[in-house]
Every structure is written in structure tokens, then in C-alpha cells.
């Protein structure tokens, strides 16, 4: 992933998603943003979906 680190460094970032199921996508995005210098990363979601167990 290429990023403009100057636009991210020291910023408080809010990720917005419609549904979070496992949290893996938000977690990976947050890790990348923190590596790029984000001061904090928060995730907001409309709904939480439970994974279906087979």
C-alpha cells in the first residue's frame, strides 16, 4: 500500500464501516495507519455481524 505519510503522521484517524464481522479488515487498516504515523486510529461501525459457525 502506498500512502502519503505526511497526510497521516500525527493525525487521529476514524475508520467508518457499515458492518464489522471478525474485525480483521479494521485491524489490518489500523496497523497500516499506525505504521504510517497516525497518532490514533478509531473504528466506527453501523452493525456487528456474528460469524456463522459451520
PDB file of N, CA and C in Angstrom:
ATOM      1  N   UNK A   1       0.842  -1.173   0.000  1.00  0.00           N
ATOM      2  CA  UNK A   1       0.000   0.000   0.000  1.00  0.00           C
ATOM      3  C   UNK A   1       0.888   1.237   0.000  1.00  0.00           C
ATOM      4  N   UNK A   2       0.638   2.146  -0.913  1.00  0.00           N
ATOM      5  CA  UNK A   2       1.347   3.419  -0.926  1.00  0.00           C
ATOM      6  C   UNK A   2       0.483   4.437  -0.196  1.00  0.00           C
ATOM      7  N   UNK A   3       1.156   5.285   0.566  1.00  0.00           N
ATOM      8  CA  UNK A   3       0.401   6.301   1.292  1.00  0.00           C
ATOM      9  C   UNK A   3       1.171   7.609   1.311  1.00  0.00           C
ATOM     10  N   UNK A   4       0.451   8.670   1.544  1.00  0.00           N
ATOM     11  CA  UNK A   4       1.052   9.981   1.740  1.00  0.00           C
ATOM     12  C   UNK A   4       1.250  10.121   3.244  1.00  0.00           C
ATOM     13  N   UNK A   5       2.409   9.668   3.721  1.00  0.00           N
ATOM     14  CA  UNK A   5       2.651   9.627   5.163  1.00  0.00           C
ATOM     15  C   UNK A   5       2.550  10.998   5.816  1.00  0.00           C
ATOM     16  N   UNK A   6       2.867  12.047   5.078  1.00  0.00           N
ATOM     17  CA  UNK A   6       2.762  13.398   5.641  1.00  0.00           C
ATOM     18  C   UNK A   6       1.309  13.738   5.968  1.00  0.00           C
ATOM     19  N   UNK A   7       0.370  13.192   5.197  1.00  0.00           N
ATOM     20  CA  UNK A   7      -1.055  13.459   5.435  1.00  0.00           C
ATOM     21  C   UNK A   7      -1.583  12.650   6.618  1.00  0.00           C
ATOM     22  N   UNK A   8      -0.858  11.608   7.031  1.00  0.00           N
ATOM     23  CA  UNK A   8      -1.308  10.712   8.093  1.00  0.00           C
ATOM     24  C   UNK A   8      -0.578  10.969   9.412  1.00  0.00           C
ATOM     25  N   UNK A   9       0.695  11.323   9.333  1.00  0.00           N
ATOM     26  CA  UNK A   9       1.539  11.448  10.524  1.00  0.00           C
ATOM     27  C   UNK A   9       0.940  12.416  11.554  1.00  0.00           C
ATOM     28  N   UNK A  10       0.805  11.902  12.781  1.00  0.00           N
ATOM     29  CA  UNK A  10       0.325  12.711  13.892  1.00  0.00           C
ATOM     30  C   UNK A  10      -1.174  12.945  13.934  1.00  0.00           C
ATOM     31  N   UNK A  11      -1.910  12.372  12.999  1.00  0.00           N
ATOM     32  CA  UNK A  11      -3.361  12.598  12.919  1.00  0.00           C
ATOM     33  C   UNK A  11      -4.129  11.538  13.714  1.00  0.00           C
ATOM     34  N   UNK A  12      -5.322  11.909  14.124  1.00  0.00           N
ATOM     35  CA  UNK A  12      -6.276  10.982  14.728  1.00  0.00           C
ATOM     36  C   UNK A  12      -7.191  10.537  13.586  1.00  0.00           C
ATOM     37  N   UNK A  13      -7.222   9.251  13.304  1.00  0.00           N
ATOM     38  CA  UNK A  13      -7.949   8.701  12.159  1.00  0.00           C
ATOM     39  C   UNK A  13      -9.192   7.952  12.637  1.00  0.00           C
ATOM     40  N   UNK A  14     -10.306   8.137  11.930  1.00  0.00           N
ATOM     41  CA  UNK A  14     -11.535   7.387  12.198  1.00  0.00           C
ATOM     42  C   UNK A  14     -11.860   6.564  10.960  1.00  0.00           C
ATOM     43  N   UNK A  15     -11.909   5.242  11.126  1.00  0.00           N
ATOM     44  CA  UNK A  15     -12.336   4.338  10.060  1.00  0.00           C
ATOM     45  C   UNK A  15     -13.842   4.140  10.209  1.00  0.00           C
ATOM     46  N   UNK A  16     -14.578   4.243   9.116  1.00  0.00           N
ATOM     47  CA  UNK A  16     -16.031   4.060   9.152  1.00  0.00           C
ATOM     48  C   UNK A  16     -16.386   2.899   8.238  1.00  0.00           C
ATOM     49  N   UNK A  17     -17.153   1.943   8.774  1.00  0.00           N
ATOM     50  CA  UNK A  17     -17.546   0.761   8.005  1.00  0.00           C
ATOM     51  C   UNK A  17     -19.008   0.456   8.307  1.00  0.00           C
ATOM     52  N   UNK A  18     -19.685  -0.175   7.357  1.00  0.00           N
ATOM     53  CA  UNK A  18     -21.095  -0.490   7.583  1.00  0.00           C
ATOM     54  C   UNK A  18     -21.271  -1.664   8.540  1.00  0.00           C
ATOM     55  N   UNK A  19     -20.510  -2.739   8.350  1.00  0.00           N
ATOM     56  CA  UNK A  19     -20.640  -3.931   9.189  1.00  0.00           C
ATOM     57  C   UNK A  19     -19.250  -4.444   9.546  1.00  0.00           C
ATOM     58  N   UNK A  20     -19.065  -4.821  10.795  1.00  0.00           N
ATOM     59  CA  UNK A  20     -17.825  -5.466  11.205  1.00  0.00           C
ATOM     60  C   UNK A  20     -18.187  -6.876  11.655  1.00  0.00           C
ATOM     61  N   UNK A  21     -17.485  -7.862  11.135  1.00  0.00           N
ATOM     62  CA  UNK A  21     -17.774  -9.250  11.486  1.00  0.00           C
ATOM     63  C   UNK A  21     -16.647  -9.815  12.345  1.00  0.00           C
ATOM     64  N   UNK A  22     -15.477  -9.988  11.748  1.00  0.00           N
ATOM     65  CA  UNK A  22     -14.349 -10.527  12.511  1.00  0.00           C
ATOM     66  C   UNK A  22     -13.440  -9.429  13.037  1.00  0.00           C
ATOM     67  N   UNK A  23     -13.477  -8.266  12.397  1.00  0.00           N
ATOM     68  CA  UNK A  23     -12.602  -7.172  12.791  1.00  0.00           C
ATOM     69  C   UNK A  23     -11.255  -7.189  12.100  1.00  0.00           C
ATOM     70  N   UNK A  24     -11.007  -8.203  11.268  1.00  0.00           N
ATOM     71  CA  UNK A  24      -9.703  -8.322  10.611  1.00  0.00           C
ATOM     72  C   UNK A  24      -9.397  -7.153   9.682  1.00  0.00           C
ATOM     73  N   UNK A  25     -10.362  -6.712   8.910  1.00  0.00           N
ATOM     74  CA  UNK A  25     -10.122  -5.606   7.975  1.00  0.00           C
ATOM     75  C   UNK A  25      -9.791  -4.324   8.731  1.00  0.00           C
ATOM     76  N   UNK A  26     -10.586  -3.994   9.734  1.00  0.00           N
ATOM     77  CA  UNK A  26     -10.334  -2.787  10.526  1.00  0.00           C
ATOM     78  C   UNK A  26      -8.994  -2.887  11.243  1.00  0.00           C
ATOM     79  N   UNK A  27      -8.674  -4.063  11.763  1.00  0.00           N
ATOM     80  CA  UNK A  27      -7.413  -4.267  12.469  1.00  0.00           C
ATOM     81  C   UNK A  27      -6.225  -4.065  11.535  1.00  0.00           C
ATOM     82  N   UNK A  28      -6.295  -4.652  10.348  1.00  0.00           N
ATOM     83  CA  UNK A  28      -5.196  -4.501   9.386  1.00  0.00           C
ATOM     84  C   UNK A  28      -5.056  -3.054   8.913  1.00  0.00           C
ATOM     85  N   UNK A  29      -6.161  -2.388   8.669  1.00  0.00           N
ATOM     86  CA  UNK A  29      -6.109  -0.973   8.270  1.00  0.00           C
ATOM     87  C   UNK A  29      -5.507  -0.126   9.383  1.00  0.00           C
ATOM     88  N   UNK A  30      -5.905  -0.387  10.615  1.00  0.00           N
ATOM     89  CA  UNK A  30      -5.383   0.370  11.750  1.00  0.00           C
ATOM     90  C   UNK A  30      -3.876   0.168  11.893  1.00  0.00           C
ATOM     91  N   UNK A  31      -3.422  -1.056  11.715  1.00  0.00           N
ATOM     92  CA  UNK A  31      -1.980  -1.335  11.803  1.00  0.00           C
ATOM     93  C   UNK A  31      -1.210  -0.562  10.743  1.00  0.00           C
ATOM     94  N   UNK A  32      -1.718  -0.560   9.512  1.00  0.00           N
ATOM     95  CA  UNK A  32      -1.045   0.175   8.433  1.00  0.00           C
ATOM     96  C   UNK A  32      -1.024   1.675   8.709  1.00  0.00           C
ATOM     97  N   UNK A  33      -2.135   2.207   9.203  1.00  0.00           N
ATOM     98  CA  UNK A  33      -2.198   3.635   9.514  1.00  0.00           C
ATOM     99  C   UNK A  33      -1.249   3.999  10.654  1.00  0.00           C
ATOM    100  N   UNK A  34      -1.154   3.146  11.673  1.00  0.00           N
ATOM    101  CA  UNK A  34      -0.221   3.402  12.777  1.00  0.00           C
ATOM    102  C   UNK A  34       1.224   3.342  12.280  1.00  0.00           C
ATOM    103  N   UNK A  35       1.520   2.387  11.393  1.00  0.00           N
ATOM    104  CA  UNK A  35       2.864   2.296  10.818  1.00  0.00           C
ATOM    105  C   UNK A  35       3.193   3.538  10.002  1.00  0.00           C
ATOM    106  N   UNK A  36       2.182   4.145   9.399  1.00  0.00           N
ATOM    107  CA  UNK A  36       2.381   5.355   8.596  1.00  0.00           C
ATOM    108  C   UNK A  36       2.462   6.602   9.468  1.00  0.00           C
ATOM    109  N   UNK A  37       2.277   6.441  10.792  1.00  0.00           N
ATOM    110  CA  UNK A  37       2.455   7.574  11.689  1.00  0.00           C
ATOM    111  C   UNK A  37       1.209   8.146  12.325  1.00  0.00           C
ATOM    112  N   UNK A  38       0.056   7.508  12.136  1.00  0.00           N
ATOM    113  CA  UNK A  38      -1.171   8.009  12.763  1.00  0.00           C
ATOM    114  C   UNK A  38      -1.014   8.023  14.280  1.00  0.00           C
ATOM    115  N   UNK A  39      -1.484   9.078  14.909  1.00  0.00           N
ATOM    116  CA  UNK A  39      -1.401   9.184  16.371  1.00  0.00           C
ATOM    117  C   UNK A  39      -2.375   8.216  17.036  1.00  0.00           C
ATOM    118  N   UNK A  40      -3.584   8.111  16.487  1.00  0.00           N
ATOM    119  CA  UNK A  40      -4.568   7.151  16.988  1.00  0.00           C
ATOM    120  C   UNK A  40      -5.478   6.737  15.842  1.00  0.00           C
ATOM    121  N   UNK A  41      -6.062   5.555  15.983  1.00  0.00           N
ATOM    122  CA  UNK A  41      -6.995   5.044  14.976  1.00  0.00           C
ATOM    123  C   UNK A  41      -8.209   4.483  15.708  1.00  0.00           C
ATOM    124  N   UNK A  42      -9.388   4.956  15.322  1.00  0.00           N
ATOM    125  CA  UNK A  42     -10.657   4.504  15.883  1.00  0.00           C
ATOM    126  C   UNK A  42     -11.491   3.900  14.761  1.00  0.00           C
ATOM    127  N   UNK A  43     -12.319   2.922  15.104  1.00  0.00           N
ATOM    128  CA  UNK A  43     -13.215   2.317  14.122  1.00  0.00           C
ATOM    129  C   UNK A  43     -14.659   2.514  14.575  1.00  0.00           C
ATOM    130  N   UNK A  44     -15.487   3.008  13.669  1.00  0.00           N
ATOM    131  CA  UNK A  44     -16.923   3.152  13.918  1.00  0.00           C
ATOM    132  C   UNK A  44     -17.655   2.260  12.934  1.00  0.00           C
ATOM    133  N   UNK A  45     -18.691   1.594  13.401  1.00  0.00           N
ATOM    134  CA  UNK A  45     -19.451   0.713  12.530  1.00  0.00           C
ATOM    135  C   UNK A  45     -20.943   0.845  12.831  1.00  0.00           C
ATOM    136  N   UNK A  46     -21.747   0.572  11.826  1.00  0.00           N
ATOM    137  CA  UNK A  46     -23.202   0.637  11.972  1.00  0.00           C
ATOM    138  C   UNK A  46     -23.729  -0.634  12.641  1.00  0.00           C
ATOM    139  N   UNK A  47     -23.168  -1.783  12.253  1.00  0.00           N
ATOM    140  CA  UNK A  47     -23.671  -3.062  12.752  1.00  0.00           C
ATOM    141  C   UNK A  47     -22.525  -4.032  12.997  1.00  0.00           C
ATOM    142  N   UNK A  48     -22.784  -4.999  13.851  1.00  0.00           N
ATOM    143  CA  UNK A  48     -21.834  -6.058  14.149  1.00  0.00           C
ATOM    144  C   UNK A  48     -22.467  -7.367  13.718  1.00  0.00           C
ATOM    145  N   UNK A  49     -21.780  -8.111  12.862  1.00  0.00           N
ATOM    146  CA  UNK A  49     -22.286  -9.399  12.404  1.00  0.00           C
ATOM    147  C   UNK A  49     -21.516 -10.532  13.055  1.00  0.00           C
ATOM    148  N   UNK A  50     -22.228 -11.509  13.563  1.00  0.00           N
ATOM    149  CA  UNK A  50     -21.571 -12.670  14.158  1.00  0.00           C
ATOM    150  C   UNK A  50     -21.182 -13.642  13.054  1.00  0.00           C
ATOM    151  N   UNK A  51     -19.938 -14.145  13.075  1.00  0.00           N
ATOM    152  CA  UNK A  51     -19.552 -15.147  12.076  1.00  0.00           C
ATOM    153  C   UNK A  51     -20.422 -16.402  12.227  1.00  0.00           C
ATOM    154  N   UNK A  52     -20.761 -17.009  11.122  1.00  0.00           N
ATOM    155  CA  UNK A  52     -21.561 -18.234  11.140  1.00  0.00           C
ATOM    156  C   UNK A  52     -20.626 -19.417  11.332  1.00  0.00           C
ATOM    157  N   UNK A  53     -20.897 -20.214  12.351  1.00  0.00           N
ATOM    158  CA  UNK A  53     -20.085 -21.409  12.606  1.00  0.00           C
ATOM    159  C   UNK A  53     -20.694 -22.574  11.848  1.00  0.00           C
ATOM    160  N   UNK A  54     -19.836 -23.305  11.159  1.00  0.00           N
ATOM    161  CA  UNK A  54     -20.324 -24.464  10.387  1.00  0.00           C
ATOM    162  C   UNK A  54     -20.236 -25.726  11.202  1.00  0.00           C
TER     163      UNK A  54
END
